[in-house]
Amino acid sequence: MTLIEPAADRQSTALAPDLRSLPDRAARAWTERMAVRPRAGSTYAVTTESDSTYLVDIARRSCSCPDNRIRGERCKHLRRVAIEITARRVAPPGKQRAVCDACGTVTFAAADAETPHLCGHCRLAAGDIVRDRETGDRLVVTAVTDTPAADWTVESTDETVADYDTNDGYPPNDLVVLAAYLSEAVSATEPREYAFPLSRLRRVEDAELVGGGSQ
């Protein structure tokens, strides 16, 4: 997964919803220009229009500004961090903003997560039941690699996964997924693994598993 710089690190932004029903601090949190930058743990640095920077701790619901520290109010800085996290412009605590290795969608990943990292739509894991979009066969995932299909050579054919005839049309930079046919996985002690481009496989949902279907 390619890490990307949060938008808030590059520029301050101004947000403008309907303010008529909002209290003053909430309205200022939405409309004033602020830059929000993730720090260690659950803390965020918030730089305001006046170039003042305050440290917000989401877990403690605290801010170093006088409005929170002295008056005990839920200040505009705390509110703005919550807005940025909810809008997915800033990563929540323990996560980092990133790009899905499979589809390029901006997503969030655990700071210590191993590669490859995938968004919720693309994510597969060992043990998942998937369906081959080309044949309709069901398989069980044995591994998700961090190698693109164009770089994975199938020993029996000396072709890459991307060059294989039935994979024509799937992106050559798709990650390679190893999977065994479900019937073999159930009956064989060591079922044979096959390499597929990730987007050729579709996760089978629980309702579909109950309903059965072609093997």
N, C-alpha and C. Protein backbone atom coordinates (compact mmCIF):
# COMPACT_ATOMS: atom_id res chain seq x y z
N MET A 1 0.84 -1.18 0.00
CA MET A 1 0.00 0.00 0.00
C MET A 1 0.87 1.23 0.00
N THR A 2 0.54 2.18 -0.83
CA THR A 2 1.29 3.41 -0.91
C THR A 2 0.73 4.41 0.08
N LEU A 3 1.57 4.90 0.98
CA LEU A 3 1.13 5.89 1.94
C LEU A 3 1.07 7.24 1.25
N ILE A 4 0.06 8.05 1.59
CA ILE A 4 -0.06 9.36 1.00
C ILE A 4 -0.18 10.41 2.08
N GLU A 5 0.24 11.58 1.77
CA GLU A 5 0.21 12.67 2.72
C GLU A 5 -1.22 13.15 2.89
N PRO A 6 -1.72 13.25 4.14
CA PRO A 6 -3.08 13.73 4.34
C PRO A 6 -3.26 15.12 3.74
N ALA A 7 -4.45 15.38 3.20
CA ALA A 7 -4.72 16.67 2.58
C ALA A 7 -4.53 17.81 3.57
N ALA A 8 -4.85 17.55 4.84
CA ALA A 8 -4.73 18.60 5.83
C ALA A 8 -3.29 19.01 6.06
N ASP A 9 -2.33 18.14 5.75
CA ASP A 9 -0.93 18.49 5.90
C ASP A 9 -0.47 19.43 4.80
N ARG A 10 -1.18 19.43 3.67
CA ARG A 10 -0.74 20.22 2.54
C ARG A 10 -1.35 21.61 2.53
N GLN A 11 -2.59 21.75 3.05
CA GLN A 11 -3.24 23.04 3.02
C GLN A 11 -4.33 23.11 4.06
N SER A 12 -4.64 24.33 4.51
CA SER A 12 -5.78 24.54 5.39
C SER A 12 -7.04 24.57 4.55
N THR A 13 -8.14 24.15 5.14
CA THR A 13 -9.40 24.14 4.40
C THR A 13 -10.48 24.85 5.19
N ALA A 14 -11.45 25.41 4.51
CA ALA A 14 -12.62 26.02 5.14
C ALA A 14 -13.84 25.22 4.76
N LEU A 15 -14.71 24.94 5.72
CA LEU A 15 -15.90 24.14 5.48
C LEU A 15 -17.12 25.00 5.80
N ALA A 16 -18.20 24.86 5.03
CA ALA A 16 -19.33 25.76 5.21
C ALA A 16 -20.68 25.06 5.07
N PRO A 17 -21.19 24.40 6.13
CA PRO A 17 -22.54 23.84 6.11
C PRO A 17 -23.55 24.93 6.46
N ASP A 18 -24.82 24.56 6.62
CA ASP A 18 -25.85 25.48 7.09
C ASP A 18 -25.58 25.73 8.58
N LEU A 19 -25.30 26.97 8.93
CA LEU A 19 -24.86 27.28 10.29
C LEU A 19 -25.98 27.78 11.20
N ARG A 20 -27.19 27.89 10.68
CA ARG A 20 -28.25 28.57 11.43
C ARG A 20 -28.58 27.91 12.76
N SER A 21 -28.48 26.60 12.83
CA SER A 21 -28.87 25.91 14.07
C SER A 21 -27.67 25.50 14.92
N LEU A 22 -26.47 25.88 14.51
CA LEU A 22 -25.27 25.46 15.24
C LEU A 22 -24.87 26.46 16.31
N PRO A 23 -24.41 25.97 17.47
CA PRO A 23 -23.84 26.90 18.46
C PRO A 23 -22.55 27.52 17.92
N ASP A 24 -22.11 28.60 18.56
CA ASP A 24 -20.98 29.37 18.04
C ASP A 24 -19.73 28.54 17.84
N ARG A 25 -19.36 27.72 18.82
CA ARG A 25 -18.12 26.94 18.71
C ARG A 25 -18.21 25.93 17.56
N ALA A 26 -19.38 25.33 17.39
CA ALA A 26 -19.55 24.37 16.30
C ALA A 26 -19.46 25.06 14.95
N ALA A 27 -20.08 26.25 14.84
CA ALA A 27 -20.03 26.99 13.58
C ALA A 27 -18.60 27.38 13.23
N ARG A 28 -17.84 27.79 14.22
CA ARG A 28 -16.45 28.18 13.98
C ARG A 28 -15.61 26.97 13.60
N ALA A 29 -15.92 25.82 14.18
CA ALA A 29 -15.19 24.60 13.83
C ALA A 29 -15.39 24.25 12.35
N TRP A 30 -16.59 24.52 11.84
CA TRP A 30 -16.90 24.21 10.45
C TRP A 30 -16.34 25.23 9.47
N THR A 31 -16.31 26.47 9.85
CA THR A 31 -16.03 27.53 8.86
C THR A 31 -14.63 28.11 8.91
N GLU A 32 -13.96 28.09 10.05
CA GLU A 32 -12.63 28.69 10.12
C GLU A 32 -11.60 27.80 9.44
N ARG A 33 -10.58 28.42 8.89
CA ARG A 33 -9.51 27.68 8.23
C ARG A 33 -8.59 27.09 9.29
N MET A 34 -8.45 25.77 9.25
CA MET A 34 -7.58 25.05 10.20
C MET A 34 -6.87 23.92 9.46
N ALA A 35 -5.67 23.62 9.88
CA ALA A 35 -4.94 22.47 9.38
C ALA A 35 -4.85 21.44 10.51
N VAL A 36 -5.28 20.22 10.22
CA VAL A 36 -5.27 19.15 11.22
C VAL A 36 -4.25 18.10 10.81
N ARG A 37 -3.31 17.81 11.72
CA ARG A 37 -2.24 16.86 11.41
C ARG A 37 -2.19 15.78 12.49
N PRO A 38 -2.28 14.51 12.11
CA PRO A 38 -2.17 13.43 13.11
C PRO A 38 -0.80 13.44 13.78
N ARG A 39 -0.80 13.17 15.06
CA ARG A 39 0.45 13.03 15.83
C ARG A 39 0.47 11.64 16.44
N ALA A 40 1.24 11.46 17.49
CA ALA A 40 1.36 10.15 18.12
C ALA A 40 0.08 9.77 18.85
N GLY A 41 -0.22 8.47 18.84
CA GLY A 41 -1.37 7.96 19.57
C GLY A 41 -2.67 8.55 19.10
N SER A 42 -3.43 9.13 20.02
CA SER A 42 -4.73 9.71 19.68
C SER A 42 -4.69 11.23 19.61
N THR A 43 -3.49 11.79 19.39
CA THR A 43 -3.35 13.24 19.39
C THR A 43 -3.24 13.81 17.98
N TYR A 44 -3.67 15.07 17.85
CA TYR A 44 -3.66 15.79 16.58
C TYR A 44 -3.22 17.22 16.84
N ALA A 45 -2.40 17.76 15.94
CA ALA A 45 -2.02 19.17 16.01
C ALA A 45 -2.98 19.96 15.13
N VAL A 46 -3.55 21.02 15.70
CA VAL A 46 -4.50 21.86 14.95
C VAL A 46 -3.93 23.27 14.88
N THR A 47 -3.66 23.73 13.67
CA THR A 47 -3.16 25.08 13.45
C THR A 47 -4.30 25.95 12.95
N THR A 48 -4.51 27.09 13.60
CA THR A 48 -5.64 27.95 13.30
C THR A 48 -5.27 29.06 12.31
N GLU A 49 -6.27 29.88 11.98
CA GLU A 49 -6.06 31.00 11.06
C GLU A 49 -5.01 31.97 11.58
N SER A 50 -4.89 32.07 12.89
CA SER A 50 -3.93 33.01 13.49
C SER A 50 -2.54 32.39 13.67
N ASP A 51 -2.33 31.21 13.10
CA ASP A 51 -1.06 30.49 13.18
C ASP A 51 -0.75 29.95 14.57
N SER A 52 -1.76 29.88 15.43
CA SER A 52 -1.59 29.23 16.73
C SER A 52 -1.80 27.73 16.53
N THR A 53 -1.01 26.92 17.21
CA THR A 53 -1.14 25.47 17.10
C THR A 53 -1.45 24.88 18.46
N TYR A 54 -2.47 24.03 18.51
CA TYR A 54 -2.89 23.40 19.76
C TYR A 54 -2.87 21.88 19.58
N LEU A 55 -2.67 21.18 20.69
CA LEU A 55 -2.62 19.72 20.67
C LEU A 55 -3.95 19.17 21.19
N VAL A 56 -4.65 18.44 20.32
CA VAL A 56 -5.93 17.82 20.68
C VAL A 56 -5.71 16.34 20.92
N ASP A 57 -6.26 15.83 22.01
CA ASP A 57 -6.22 14.40 22.31
C ASP A 57 -7.66 13.87 22.26
N ILE A 58 -7.97 13.14 21.19
CA ILE A 58 -9.33 12.65 21.00
C ILE A 58 -9.75 11.69 22.11
N ALA A 59 -8.85 10.80 22.52
CA ALA A 59 -9.19 9.81 23.54
C ALA A 59 -9.52 10.48 24.88
N ARG A 60 -8.78 11.53 25.22
CA ARG A 60 -8.99 12.24 26.49
C ARG A 60 -10.01 13.38 26.36
N ARG A 61 -10.41 13.67 25.12
CA ARG A 61 -11.32 14.77 24.84
C ARG A 61 -10.77 16.08 25.39
N SER A 62 -9.48 16.27 25.16
CA SER A 62 -8.81 17.46 25.70
C SER A 62 -8.10 18.23 24.60
N CYS A 63 -7.86 19.50 24.86
CA CYS A 63 -7.12 20.36 23.94
C CYS A 63 -6.27 21.30 24.78
N SER A 64 -5.13 21.70 24.25
CA SER A 64 -4.23 22.58 25.00
C SER A 64 -4.65 24.05 24.93
N CYS A 65 -5.73 24.36 24.22
CA CYS A 65 -6.16 25.76 24.12
C CYS A 65 -6.82 26.22 25.43
N PRO A 66 -6.85 27.54 25.70
CA PRO A 66 -7.46 28.05 26.94
C PRO A 66 -8.95 27.72 27.05
N ASP A 67 -9.66 27.69 25.92
CA ASP A 67 -11.10 27.43 25.97
C ASP A 67 -11.41 26.08 26.58
N ASN A 68 -10.58 25.08 26.29
CA ASN A 68 -10.78 23.75 26.86
C ASN A 68 -10.05 23.59 28.19
N ARG A 69 -8.80 24.02 28.21
CA ARG A 69 -7.96 23.79 29.40
C ARG A 69 -8.42 24.60 30.60
N ILE A 70 -8.85 25.84 30.39
CA ILE A 70 -9.23 26.71 31.50
C ILE A 70 -10.75 26.74 31.70
N ARG A 71 -11.49 26.88 30.59
CA ARG A 71 -12.95 27.01 30.70
C ARG A 71 -13.67 25.67 30.70
N GLY A 72 -12.96 24.60 30.27
CA GLY A 72 -13.58 23.28 30.25
C GLY A 72 -14.60 23.08 29.15
N GLU A 73 -14.54 23.92 28.11
CA GLU A 73 -15.49 23.84 27.00
C GLU A 73 -15.00 22.85 25.94
N ARG A 74 -15.96 22.28 25.20
CA ARG A 74 -15.61 21.47 24.01
C ARG A 74 -15.30 22.46 22.89
N CYS A 75 -14.03 22.76 22.74
CA CYS A 75 -13.58 23.86 21.89
C CYS A 75 -13.73 23.54 20.41
N LYS A 76 -13.51 24.59 19.59
CA LYS A 76 -13.62 24.42 18.14
C LYS A 76 -12.55 23.48 17.59
N HIS A 77 -11.42 23.35 18.29
CA HIS A 77 -10.34 22.49 17.80
C HIS A 77 -10.71 21.02 17.96
N LEU A 78 -11.28 20.68 19.11
CA LEU A 78 -11.77 19.31 19.32
C LEU A 78 -12.85 18.98 18.28
N ARG A 79 -13.74 19.90 18.07
CA ARG A 79 -14.82 19.69 17.12
C ARG A 79 -14.29 19.52 15.70
N ARG A 80 -13.27 20.31 15.34
CA ARG A 80 -12.75 20.24 13.98
C ARG A 80 -12.06 18.91 13.72
N VAL A 81 -11.32 18.41 14.70
CA VAL A 81 -10.69 17.10 14.53
C VAL A 81 -11.75 16.03 14.30
N ALA A 82 -12.83 16.08 15.07
CA ALA A 82 -13.92 15.11 14.90
C ALA A 82 -14.53 15.22 13.50
N ILE A 83 -14.68 16.44 13.00
CA ILE A 83 -15.23 16.66 11.66
C ILE A 83 -14.32 16.05 10.60
N GLU A 84 -13.02 16.30 10.71
CA GLU A 84 -12.06 15.81 9.72
C GLU A 84 -12.01 14.28 9.71
N ILE A 85 -12.09 13.65 10.89
CA ILE A 85 -12.06 12.19 10.96
C ILE A 85 -13.33 11.61 10.36
N THR A 86 -14.48 12.19 10.71
CA THR A 86 -15.76 11.71 10.19
C THR A 86 -15.83 11.84 8.67
N ALA A 87 -15.25 12.92 8.14
CA ALA A 87 -15.26 13.15 6.70
C ALA A 87 -14.17 12.35 5.98
N ARG A 88 -13.37 11.59 6.73
CA ARG A 88 -12.31 10.74 6.19
C ARG A 88 -11.20 11.53 5.48
N ARG A 89 -11.02 12.78 5.91
CA ARG A 89 -9.89 13.55 5.40
C ARG A 89 -8.65 13.33 6.25
N VAL A 90 -8.86 12.90 7.49
CA VAL A 90 -7.77 12.62 8.42
C VAL A 90 -8.00 11.24 9.01
N ALA A 91 -6.93 10.48 9.17
CA ALA A 91 -7.05 9.11 9.71
C ALA A 91 -7.45 9.12 11.18
N PRO A 92 -8.28 8.18 11.59
CA PRO A 92 -8.59 8.05 13.02
C PRO A 92 -7.38 7.51 13.78
N PRO A 93 -7.40 7.58 15.11
CA PRO A 93 -6.26 7.09 15.90
C PRO A 93 -5.90 5.64 15.56
N GLY A 94 -4.60 5.37 15.45
CA GLY A 94 -4.12 4.03 15.17
C GLY A 94 -4.15 3.65 13.70
N LYS A 95 -4.62 4.56 12.84
CA LYS A 95 -4.69 4.29 11.41
C LYS A 95 -3.80 5.27 10.66
N GLN A 96 -3.53 4.95 9.39
CA GLN A 96 -2.81 5.86 8.53
C GLN A 96 -3.50 5.92 7.17
N ARG A 97 -3.49 7.11 6.58
CA ARG A 97 -4.12 7.31 5.28
C ARG A 97 -3.25 6.64 4.23
N ALA A 98 -3.89 5.91 3.31
CA ALA A 98 -3.13 5.11 2.36
C ALA A 98 -3.94 4.87 1.09
N VAL A 99 -3.30 4.22 0.12
CA VAL A 99 -3.96 3.86 -1.13
C VAL A 99 -4.02 2.34 -1.24
N CYS A 100 -5.19 1.80 -1.57
CA CYS A 100 -5.38 0.36 -1.72
C CYS A 100 -4.45 -0.16 -2.82
N ASP A 101 -3.70 -1.21 -2.53
CA ASP A 101 -2.77 -1.79 -3.49
C ASP A 101 -3.49 -2.36 -4.71
N ALA A 102 -4.76 -2.71 -4.58
CA ALA A 102 -5.47 -3.36 -5.68
C ALA A 102 -6.19 -2.38 -6.59
N CYS A 103 -6.94 -1.43 -5.99
CA CYS A 103 -7.78 -0.56 -6.82
C CYS A 103 -7.41 0.91 -6.77
N GLY A 104 -6.50 1.28 -5.86
CA GLY A 104 -6.07 2.67 -5.79
C GLY A 104 -6.98 3.57 -4.99
N THR A 105 -8.02 3.01 -4.37
CA THR A 105 -8.93 3.82 -3.56
C THR A 105 -8.23 4.30 -2.30
N VAL A 106 -8.47 5.56 -1.92
CA VAL A 106 -7.93 6.07 -0.67
C VAL A 106 -8.64 5.40 0.49
N THR A 107 -7.88 4.89 1.43
CA THR A 107 -8.46 4.17 2.55
C THR A 107 -7.60 4.41 3.78
N PHE A 108 -7.91 3.76 4.88
CA PHE A 108 -7.11 3.84 6.09
C PHE A 108 -6.65 2.45 6.47
N ALA A 109 -5.41 2.35 6.92
CA ALA A 109 -4.85 1.05 7.32
C ALA A 109 -4.24 1.19 8.71
N ALA A 110 -4.20 0.08 9.44
CA ALA A 110 -3.54 0.08 10.74
C ALA A 110 -2.08 0.47 10.57
N ALA A 111 -1.58 1.28 11.48
CA ALA A 111 -0.22 1.80 11.37
C ALA A 111 0.81 0.69 11.31
N ASP A 112 0.53 -0.45 11.94
CA ASP A 112 1.50 -1.55 11.97
C ASP A 112 1.07 -2.73 11.10
N ALA A 113 0.11 -2.50 10.20
CA ALA A 113 -0.39 -3.60 9.36
C ALA A 113 0.65 -4.05 8.36
N GLU A 114 0.65 -5.34 8.07
CA GLU A 114 1.58 -5.89 7.10
C GLU A 114 1.03 -5.71 5.69
N THR A 115 1.92 -5.73 4.71
CA THR A 115 1.47 -5.64 3.32
C THR A 115 1.10 -7.04 2.82
N PRO A 116 0.24 -7.16 1.78
CA PRO A 116 -0.41 -6.04 1.10
C PRO A 116 -1.60 -5.52 1.89
N HIS A 117 -1.92 -4.23 1.69
CA HIS A 117 -3.09 -3.64 2.34
C HIS A 117 -4.16 -3.40 1.28
N LEU A 118 -5.39 -3.73 1.63
CA LEU A 118 -6.49 -3.62 0.68
C LEU A 118 -7.66 -2.92 1.35
N CYS A 119 -8.43 -2.19 0.54
CA CYS A 119 -9.64 -1.57 1.07
C CYS A 119 -10.67 -2.65 1.37
N GLY A 120 -11.75 -2.27 2.04
CA GLY A 120 -12.76 -3.25 2.40
C GLY A 120 -13.37 -3.96 1.21
N HIS A 121 -13.48 -3.27 0.09
CA HIS A 121 -14.07 -3.87 -1.11
C HIS A 121 -13.16 -4.94 -1.70
N CYS A 122 -11.85 -4.72 -1.65
CA CYS A 122 -10.89 -5.64 -2.28
C CYS A 122 -10.31 -6.67 -1.32
N ARG A 123 -10.48 -6.47 -0.04
CA ARG A 123 -9.76 -7.27 0.95
C ARG A 123 -10.18 -8.74 0.92
N LEU A 124 -9.20 -9.60 0.78
CA LEU A 124 -9.38 -11.04 0.92
C LEU A 124 -8.37 -11.55 1.94
N ALA A 125 -8.67 -12.67 2.54
CA ALA A 125 -7.77 -13.26 3.52
C ALA A 125 -7.80 -14.77 3.38
N ALA A 126 -6.75 -15.41 3.85
CA ALA A 126 -6.69 -16.87 3.81
C ALA A 126 -7.93 -17.45 4.49
N GLY A 127 -8.56 -18.40 3.82
CA GLY A 127 -9.77 -19.02 4.35
C GLY A 127 -11.05 -18.48 3.75
N ASP A 128 -10.99 -17.31 3.08
CA ASP A 128 -12.18 -16.77 2.43
C ASP A 128 -12.60 -17.65 1.26
N ILE A 129 -13.90 -17.79 1.09
CA ILE A 129 -14.44 -18.50 -0.07
C ILE A 129 -14.71 -17.46 -1.16
N VAL A 130 -14.20 -17.73 -2.36
CA VAL A 130 -14.34 -16.79 -3.47
C VAL A 130 -14.90 -17.53 -4.69
N ARG A 131 -15.40 -16.73 -5.64
CA ARG A 131 -15.90 -17.30 -6.89
C ARG A 131 -15.09 -16.74 -8.05
N ASP A 132 -14.66 -17.62 -8.94
CA ASP A 132 -13.93 -17.23 -10.14
C ASP A 132 -14.92 -16.57 -11.11
N ARG A 133 -14.68 -15.31 -11.44
CA ARG A 133 -15.59 -14.58 -12.31
C ARG A 133 -15.66 -15.20 -13.72
N GLU A 134 -14.61 -15.90 -14.13
CA GLU A 134 -14.56 -16.47 -15.48
C GLU A 134 -15.32 -17.79 -15.58
N THR A 135 -15.21 -18.63 -14.58
CA THR A 135 -15.77 -19.97 -14.65
C THR A 135 -16.95 -20.21 -13.70
N GLY A 136 -17.07 -19.36 -12.68
CA GLY A 136 -18.11 -19.58 -11.69
C GLY A 136 -17.71 -20.55 -10.61
N ASP A 137 -16.52 -21.15 -10.71
CA ASP A 137 -16.06 -22.10 -9.70
C ASP A 137 -15.81 -21.41 -8.37
N ARG A 138 -16.01 -22.18 -7.31
CA ARG A 138 -15.72 -21.66 -5.97
C ARG A 138 -14.37 -22.19 -5.50
N LEU A 139 -13.62 -21.31 -4.85
CA LEU A 139 -12.29 -21.65 -4.35
C LEU A 139 -12.14 -21.13 -2.93
N VAL A 140 -11.11 -21.61 -2.25
CA VAL A 140 -10.77 -21.09 -0.93
C VAL A 140 -9.41 -20.42 -1.03
N VAL A 141 -9.31 -19.20 -0.54
CA VAL A 141 -8.06 -18.45 -0.59
C VAL A 141 -7.06 -19.06 0.37
N THR A 142 -5.83 -19.27 -0.12
CA THR A 142 -4.77 -19.78 0.75
C THR A 142 -3.77 -18.69 1.11
N ALA A 143 -3.64 -17.66 0.26
CA ALA A 143 -2.72 -16.57 0.56
C ALA A 143 -2.99 -15.40 -0.38
N VAL A 144 -2.78 -14.19 0.13
CA VAL A 144 -2.80 -12.98 -0.69
C VAL A 144 -1.37 -12.45 -0.70
N THR A 145 -0.76 -12.41 -1.87
CA THR A 145 0.63 -12.00 -1.97
C THR A 145 0.73 -10.49 -2.19
N ASP A 146 1.96 -9.97 -2.13
CA ASP A 146 2.19 -8.56 -2.45
C ASP A 146 2.88 -8.42 -3.80
N THR A 147 2.75 -9.46 -4.64
CA THR A 147 3.38 -9.46 -5.97
C THR A 147 2.35 -9.20 -7.06
N PRO A 148 2.60 -8.25 -7.97
CA PRO A 148 1.67 -8.00 -9.08
C PRO A 148 1.62 -9.18 -10.04
N ALA A 149 0.50 -9.31 -10.72
CA ALA A 149 0.31 -10.43 -11.66
C ALA A 149 1.37 -10.42 -12.76
N ALA A 150 1.83 -9.23 -13.16
CA ALA A 150 2.83 -9.14 -14.23
C ALA A 150 4.20 -9.63 -13.78
N ASP A 151 4.40 -9.79 -12.46
CA ASP A 151 5.70 -10.21 -11.95
C ASP A 151 5.71 -11.64 -11.40
N TRP A 152 4.55 -12.32 -11.46
CA TRP A 152 4.44 -13.68 -10.91
C TRP A 152 4.46 -14.67 -12.07
N THR A 153 5.49 -15.52 -12.13
CA THR A 153 5.61 -16.50 -13.21
C THR A 153 5.05 -17.85 -12.77
N VAL A 154 4.17 -18.41 -13.59
CA VAL A 154 3.62 -19.74 -13.33
C VAL A 154 4.60 -20.76 -13.88
N GLU A 155 5.17 -21.60 -13.01
CA GLU A 155 6.25 -22.51 -13.40
C GLU A 155 5.83 -23.47 -14.51
N SER A 156 4.59 -23.97 -14.46
CA SER A 156 4.17 -24.98 -15.43
C SER A 156 4.06 -24.45 -16.85
N THR A 157 3.87 -23.14 -16.99
CA THR A 157 3.71 -22.56 -18.33
C THR A 157 4.80 -21.56 -18.68
N ASP A 158 5.59 -21.16 -17.69
CA ASP A 158 6.62 -20.15 -17.85
C ASP A 158 6.04 -18.81 -18.31
N GLU A 159 4.76 -18.59 -18.02
CA GLU A 159 4.10 -17.32 -18.30
C GLU A 159 3.79 -16.61 -16.99
N THR A 160 3.67 -15.30 -17.05
CA THR A 160 3.23 -14.59 -15.86
C THR A 160 1.73 -14.75 -15.71
N VAL A 161 1.24 -14.50 -14.52
CA VAL A 161 -0.21 -14.57 -14.28
C VAL A 161 -0.94 -13.57 -15.18
N ALA A 162 -0.35 -12.41 -15.41
CA ALA A 162 -0.98 -11.40 -16.26
C ALA A 162 -1.05 -11.84 -17.72
N ASP A 163 -0.06 -12.62 -18.17
CA ASP A 163 0.00 -13.04 -19.57
C ASP A 163 -0.86 -14.27 -19.86
N TYR A 164 -1.32 -14.93 -18.83
CA TYR A 164 -2.10 -16.15 -19.02
C TYR A 164 -3.38 -15.83 -19.77
N ASP A 165 -3.75 -16.67 -20.76
CA ASP A 165 -4.87 -16.37 -21.67
C ASP A 165 -6.15 -15.97 -20.96
N THR A 166 -6.54 -16.73 -19.95
CA THR A 166 -7.83 -16.48 -19.30
C THR A 166 -7.81 -15.25 -18.40
N ASN A 167 -6.63 -14.67 -18.20
CA ASN A 167 -6.53 -13.47 -17.38
C ASN A 167 -6.46 -12.20 -18.23
N ASP A 168 -6.67 -12.35 -19.52
CA ASP A 168 -6.66 -11.20 -20.41
C ASP A 168 -7.77 -10.23 -20.00
N GLY A 169 -7.42 -8.96 -19.85
CA GLY A 169 -8.41 -7.96 -19.45
C GLY A 169 -8.34 -7.58 -18.00
N TYR A 170 -7.67 -8.38 -17.17
CA TYR A 170 -7.49 -8.02 -15.77
C TYR A 170 -6.21 -7.20 -15.63
N PRO A 171 -6.17 -6.23 -14.73
CA PRO A 171 -5.01 -5.34 -14.63
C PRO A 171 -3.72 -6.11 -14.34
N PRO A 172 -2.64 -5.82 -15.06
CA PRO A 172 -1.37 -6.51 -14.81
C PRO A 172 -0.76 -6.19 -13.45
N ASN A 173 -1.22 -5.08 -12.83
CA ASN A 173 -0.71 -4.75 -11.50
C ASN A 173 -1.60 -5.29 -10.39
N ASP A 174 -2.61 -6.10 -10.73
CA ASP A 174 -3.39 -6.79 -9.71
C ASP A 174 -2.47 -7.63 -8.84
N LEU A 175 -2.72 -7.66 -7.54
CA LEU A 175 -1.97 -8.55 -6.68
C LEU A 175 -2.36 -10.00 -6.97
N VAL A 176 -1.41 -10.90 -6.81
CA VAL A 176 -1.67 -12.33 -7.03
C VAL A 176 -2.27 -12.94 -5.78
N VAL A 177 -3.38 -13.67 -5.97
CA VAL A 177 -4.02 -14.41 -4.89
C VAL A 177 -3.86 -15.89 -5.17
N LEU A 178 -3.44 -16.64 -4.18
CA LEU A 178 -3.32 -18.10 -4.30
C LEU A 178 -4.58 -18.73 -3.72
N ALA A 179 -5.14 -19.68 -4.45
CA ALA A 179 -6.39 -20.30 -4.01
C ALA A 179 -6.47 -21.74 -4.49
N ALA A 180 -7.22 -22.55 -3.77
CA ALA A 180 -7.45 -23.96 -4.14
C ALA A 180 -8.93 -24.15 -4.41
N TYR A 181 -9.24 -25.01 -5.38
CA TYR A 181 -10.64 -25.29 -5.66
C TYR A 181 -11.30 -25.91 -4.43
N LEU A 182 -12.50 -25.45 -4.13
CA LEU A 182 -13.16 -25.83 -2.88
C LEU A 182 -13.32 -27.33 -2.75
N SER A 183 -13.67 -28.01 -3.83
CA SER A 183 -13.86 -29.47 -3.76
C SER A 183 -12.56 -30.16 -3.40
N GLU A 184 -11.43 -29.67 -3.95
CA GLU A 184 -10.13 -30.26 -3.65
C GLU A 184 -9.69 -29.92 -2.23
N ALA A 185 -10.00 -28.71 -1.80
CA ALA A 185 -9.60 -28.29 -0.45
C ALA A 185 -10.28 -29.15 0.62
N VAL A 186 -11.50 -29.60 0.30
CA VAL A 186 -12.24 -30.42 1.26
C VAL A 186 -11.74 -31.86 1.25
N SER A 187 -11.39 -32.38 0.07
CA SER A 187 -11.08 -33.82 -0.05
C SER A 187 -9.59 -34.14 -0.04
N ALA A 188 -8.76 -33.22 -0.47
CA ALA A 188 -7.33 -33.52 -0.59
C ALA A 188 -6.54 -33.07 0.63
N THR A 189 -5.50 -33.85 0.97
CA THR A 189 -4.64 -33.49 2.10
C THR A 189 -3.84 -32.24 1.78
N GLU A 190 -3.29 -32.18 0.58
CA GLU A 190 -2.54 -31.01 0.13
C GLU A 190 -3.09 -30.55 -1.22
N PRO A 191 -4.18 -29.78 -1.21
CA PRO A 191 -4.78 -29.34 -2.48
C PRO A 191 -3.83 -28.44 -3.26
N ARG A 192 -3.91 -28.51 -4.57
CA ARG A 192 -3.04 -27.70 -5.42
C ARG A 192 -3.48 -26.24 -5.39
N GLU A 193 -2.49 -25.34 -5.30
CA GLU A 193 -2.77 -23.92 -5.32
C GLU A 193 -2.68 -23.38 -6.75
N TYR A 194 -3.56 -22.44 -7.05
CA TYR A 194 -3.54 -21.77 -8.34
C TYR A 194 -3.42 -20.26 -8.11
N ALA A 195 -2.74 -19.59 -9.04
CA ALA A 195 -2.51 -18.15 -8.91
C ALA A 195 -3.52 -17.38 -9.76
N PHE A 196 -4.17 -16.38 -9.16
CA PHE A 196 -5.17 -15.56 -9.85
C PHE A 196 -4.87 -14.08 -9.63
N PRO A 197 -5.20 -13.24 -10.61
CA PRO A 197 -5.21 -11.80 -10.33
C PRO A 197 -6.36 -11.50 -9.39
N LEU A 198 -6.14 -10.64 -8.43
CA LEU A 198 -7.12 -10.42 -7.37
C LEU A 198 -8.51 -10.08 -7.89
N SER A 199 -8.61 -9.20 -8.88
CA SER A 199 -9.93 -8.76 -9.32
C SER A 199 -10.71 -9.83 -10.08
N ARG A 200 -10.07 -10.95 -10.40
CA ARG A 200 -10.79 -12.05 -11.04
C ARG A 200 -11.63 -12.81 -10.01
N LEU A 201 -11.32 -12.66 -8.75
CA LEU A 201 -12.01 -13.39 -7.70
C LEU A 201 -12.98 -12.49 -6.97
N ARG A 202 -14.16 -13.00 -6.69
CA ARG A 202 -15.19 -12.27 -5.95
C ARG A 202 -15.51 -13.02 -4.67
N ARG A 203 -15.46 -12.30 -3.55
CA ARG A 203 -15.77 -12.94 -2.28
C ARG A 203 -17.20 -13.45 -2.27
N VAL A 204 -17.39 -14.67 -1.79
CA VAL A 204 -18.72 -15.26 -1.68
C VAL A 204 -19.31 -14.88 -0.33
N GLU A 205 -20.47 -14.23 -0.35
CA GLU A 205 -21.09 -13.82 0.90
C GLU A 205 -21.75 -15.01 1.59
N ASP A 206 -22.03 -14.84 2.90
CA ASP A 206 -22.58 -15.94 3.70
C ASP A 206 -23.89 -16.48 3.11
N ALA A 207 -24.76 -15.57 2.66
CA ALA A 207 -26.06 -16.01 2.12
C ALA A 207 -25.87 -16.87 0.89
N GLU A 208 -24.87 -16.55 0.08
CA GLU A 208 -24.60 -17.32 -1.12
C GLU A 208 -24.04 -18.70 -0.77
N LEU A 209 -23.25 -18.76 0.31
CA LEU A 209 -22.70 -20.05 0.75
C LEU A 209 -23.84 -20.97 1.20
N VAL A 210 -24.80 -20.41 1.92
CA VAL A 210 -25.94 -21.20 2.40
C VAL A 210 -26.75 -21.71 1.22
N GLY A 211 -26.89 -20.84 0.20
CA GLY A 211 -27.71 -21.20 -0.95
C GLY A 211 -27.04 -22.17 -1.90
N GLY A 212 -25.72 -22.40 -1.71
CA GLY A 212 -25.02 -23.33 -2.60
C GLY A 212 -24.71 -22.68 -3.91
N GLY A 213 -24.66 -23.46 -4.98
CA GLY A 213 -24.32 -22.95 -6.30
C GLY A 213 -23.32 -23.85 -6.96
N SER A 214 -22.84 -23.43 -8.14
CA SER A 214 -21.89 -24.26 -8.86
C SER A 214 -20.58 -24.34 -8.13
N GLN A 215 -19.89 -25.43 -8.31
CA GLN A 215 -18.63 -25.67 -7.61
C GLN A 215 -17.46 -25.18 -8.43
